[in-house]
Amino acid sequence: MKKNQIKKNNMLDHLTAEEKEQFLNELLLFIKNCKINNSYESVMECIERWEDIAEMNSIPGFKENVWKRFNCLKSAGKVY
């Protein structure tokens, strides 16, 4: 397979348009803050959180299954 035929695993491919916008807004905020605080830790934590979300989104049916279970718990009064 040629190099240009290999598709990189891009986290943004697994985020909805709304999630991409939220991720980029959060990332920009943390980048601005890291300049003030002279620490990139919050930037790395932001990226790691969104990588986790993208990974969950990449599993077919996962999000729907989680919401289904959540709604069952909510209906039973276990969560609010």
C-alpha atoms as a PDB file:
ATOM      1  CA  MET A   1       0.000   0.000   0.000  1.00  0.00           C
ATOM      2  CA  LYS A   2       1.375   3.413  -0.910  1.00  0.00           C
ATOM      3  CA  LYS A   3       1.944   5.968   1.817  1.00  0.00           C
ATOM      4  CA  ASN A   4      -0.773   8.322   0.520  1.00  0.00           C
ATOM      5  CA  GLN A   5      -3.297   5.453   0.576  1.00  0.00           C
ATOM      6  CA  ILE A   6      -2.852   4.827   4.296  1.00  0.00           C
ATOM      7  CA  LYS A   7      -5.490   6.678   6.287  1.00  0.00           C
ATOM      8  CA  LYS A   8      -4.297   7.889   9.645  1.00  0.00           C
ATOM      9  CA  ASN A   9      -6.522   7.248  12.647  1.00  0.00           C
ATOM     10  CA  ASN A  10      -7.756  10.797  13.147  1.00  0.00           C
ATOM     11  CA  MET A  11      -9.667  11.471  16.323  1.00  0.00           C
ATOM     12  CA  LEU A  12     -11.676  14.210  14.589  1.00  0.00           C
ATOM     13  CA  ASP A  13     -13.124  11.602  12.225  1.00  0.00           C
ATOM     14  CA  HIS A  14     -15.022  10.147  15.196  1.00  0.00           C
ATOM     15  CA  LEU A  15     -16.470  13.393  16.552  1.00  0.00           C
ATOM     16  CA  THR A  16     -19.752  14.940  15.476  1.00  0.00           C
ATOM     17  CA  ALA A  17     -19.692  18.482  14.076  1.00  0.00           C
ATOM     18  CA  GLU A  18     -20.937  19.773  17.443  1.00  0.00           C
ATOM     19  CA  GLU A  19     -18.272  17.797  19.325  1.00  0.00           C
ATOM     20  CA  LYS A  20     -15.534  19.080  16.994  1.00  0.00           C
ATOM     21  CA  GLU A  21     -16.599  22.660  17.661  1.00  0.00           C
ATOM     22  CA  GLN A  22     -16.682  22.058  21.415  1.00  0.00           C
ATOM     23  CA  PHE A  23     -13.270  20.339  21.335  1.00  0.00           C
ATOM     24  CA  LEU A  24     -11.649  23.156  19.368  1.00  0.00           C
ATOM     25  CA  ASN A  25     -13.185  25.828  21.627  1.00  0.00           C
ATOM     26  CA  GLU A  26     -11.932  24.016  24.750  1.00  0.00           C
ATOM     27  CA  LEU A  27      -8.511  23.464  23.217  1.00  0.00           C
ATOM     28  CA  LEU A  28      -8.136  27.146  22.318  1.00  0.00           C
ATOM     29  CA  LEU A  29      -9.151  28.167  25.832  1.00  0.00           C
ATOM     30  CA  PHE A  30      -6.591  25.819  27.398  1.00  0.00           C
ATOM     31  CA  ILE A  31      -3.880  27.000  24.987  1.00  0.00           C
ATOM     32  CA  LYS A  32      -4.533  30.613  26.027  1.00  0.00           C
ATOM     33  CA  ASN A  33      -4.408  29.584  29.695  1.00  0.00           C
ATOM     34  CA  CYS A  34      -1.193  27.619  29.273  1.00  0.00           C
ATOM     35  CA  LYS A  35       0.564  30.760  28.072  1.00  0.00           C
ATOM     36  CA  ILE A  36      -0.521  32.525  31.269  1.00  0.00           C
ATOM     37  CA  ASN A  37       0.294  29.581  33.571  1.00  0.00           C
ATOM     38  CA  ASN A  38       3.381  28.445  31.648  1.00  0.00           C
ATOM     39  CA  SER A  39       2.092  24.857  31.777  1.00  0.00           C
ATOM     40  CA  TYR A  40       0.802  22.634  28.981  1.00  0.00           C
ATOM     41  CA  GLU A  41      -0.716  20.035  31.300  1.00  0.00           C
ATOM     42  CA  SER A  42      -4.288  21.281  30.807  1.00  0.00           C
ATOM     43  CA  VAL A  43      -3.851  21.155  27.009  1.00  0.00           C
ATOM     44  CA  MET A  44      -2.725  17.531  27.181  1.00  0.00           C
ATOM     45  CA  GLU A  45      -5.584  16.613  29.529  1.00  0.00           C
ATOM     46  CA  CYS A  46      -8.086  18.230  27.148  1.00  0.00           C
ATOM     47  CA  ILE A  47      -6.738  16.263  24.187  1.00  0.00           C
ATOM     48  CA  GLU A  48      -6.750  13.006  26.183  1.00  0.00           C
ATOM     49  CA  ARG A  49     -10.397  13.531  27.257  1.00  0.00           C
ATOM     50  CA  TRP A  50     -11.483  14.128  23.669  1.00  0.00           C
ATOM     51  CA  GLU A  51      -9.466  11.134  22.445  1.00  0.00           C
ATOM     52  CA  ASP A  52     -11.467   9.028  24.913  1.00  0.00           C
ATOM     53  CA  ILE A  53     -14.735  10.434  23.558  1.00  0.00           C
ATOM     54  CA  ALA A  54     -13.627   9.794  19.971  1.00  0.00           C
ATOM     55  CA  GLU A  55     -12.674   6.226  20.867  1.00  0.00           C
ATOM     56  CA  MET A  56     -16.102   5.589  22.402  1.00  0.00           C
ATOM     57  CA  ASN A  57     -17.757   7.131  19.334  1.00  0.00           C
ATOM     58  CA  SER A  58     -15.769   4.784  17.097  1.00  0.00           C
ATOM     59  CA  ILE A  59     -17.450   1.718  18.627  1.00  0.00           C
ATOM     60  CA  PRO A  60     -20.634   1.028  16.624  1.00  0.00           C
ATOM     61  CA  GLY A  61     -23.757   1.354  18.781  1.00  0.00           C
ATOM     62  CA  PHE A  62     -21.834   2.209  21.952  1.00  0.00           C
ATOM     63  CA  LYS A  63     -23.248   5.704  22.498  1.00  0.00           C
ATOM     64  CA  GLU A  64     -26.804   4.564  21.783  1.00  0.00           C
ATOM     65  CA  ASN A  65     -26.429   1.654  24.214  1.00  0.00           C
ATOM     66  CA  VAL A  66     -25.082   3.912  26.962  1.00  0.00           C
ATOM     67  CA  TRP A  67     -27.973   6.388  26.509  1.00  0.00           C
ATOM     68  CA  LYS A  68     -30.473   3.525  26.519  1.00  0.00           C
ATOM     69  CA  ARG A  69     -29.110   2.243  29.834  1.00  0.00           C
ATOM     70  CA  PHE A  70     -28.945   5.769  31.265  1.00  0.00           C
ATOM     71  CA  ASN A  71     -32.580   6.404  30.362  1.00  0.00           C
ATOM     72  CA  CYS A  72     -33.589   3.116  32.010  1.00  0.00           C
ATOM     73  CA  LEU A  73     -31.796   4.174  35.197  1.00  0.00           C
ATOM     74  CA  LYS A  74     -33.405   7.620  34.993  1.00  0.00           C
ATOM     75  CA  SER A  75     -36.864   6.081  34.543  1.00  0.00           C
ATOM     76  CA  ALA A  76     -36.220   3.905  37.596  1.00  0.00           C
ATOM     77  CA  GLY A  77     -35.262   6.991  39.628  1.00  0.00           C
ATOM     78  CA  LYS A  78     -31.661   5.871  40.089  1.00  0.00           C
ATOM     79  CA  VAL A  79     -30.143   8.964  38.395  1.00  0.00           C
ATOM     80  CA  TYR A  80     -31.422  12.490  37.876  1.00  0.00           C
END
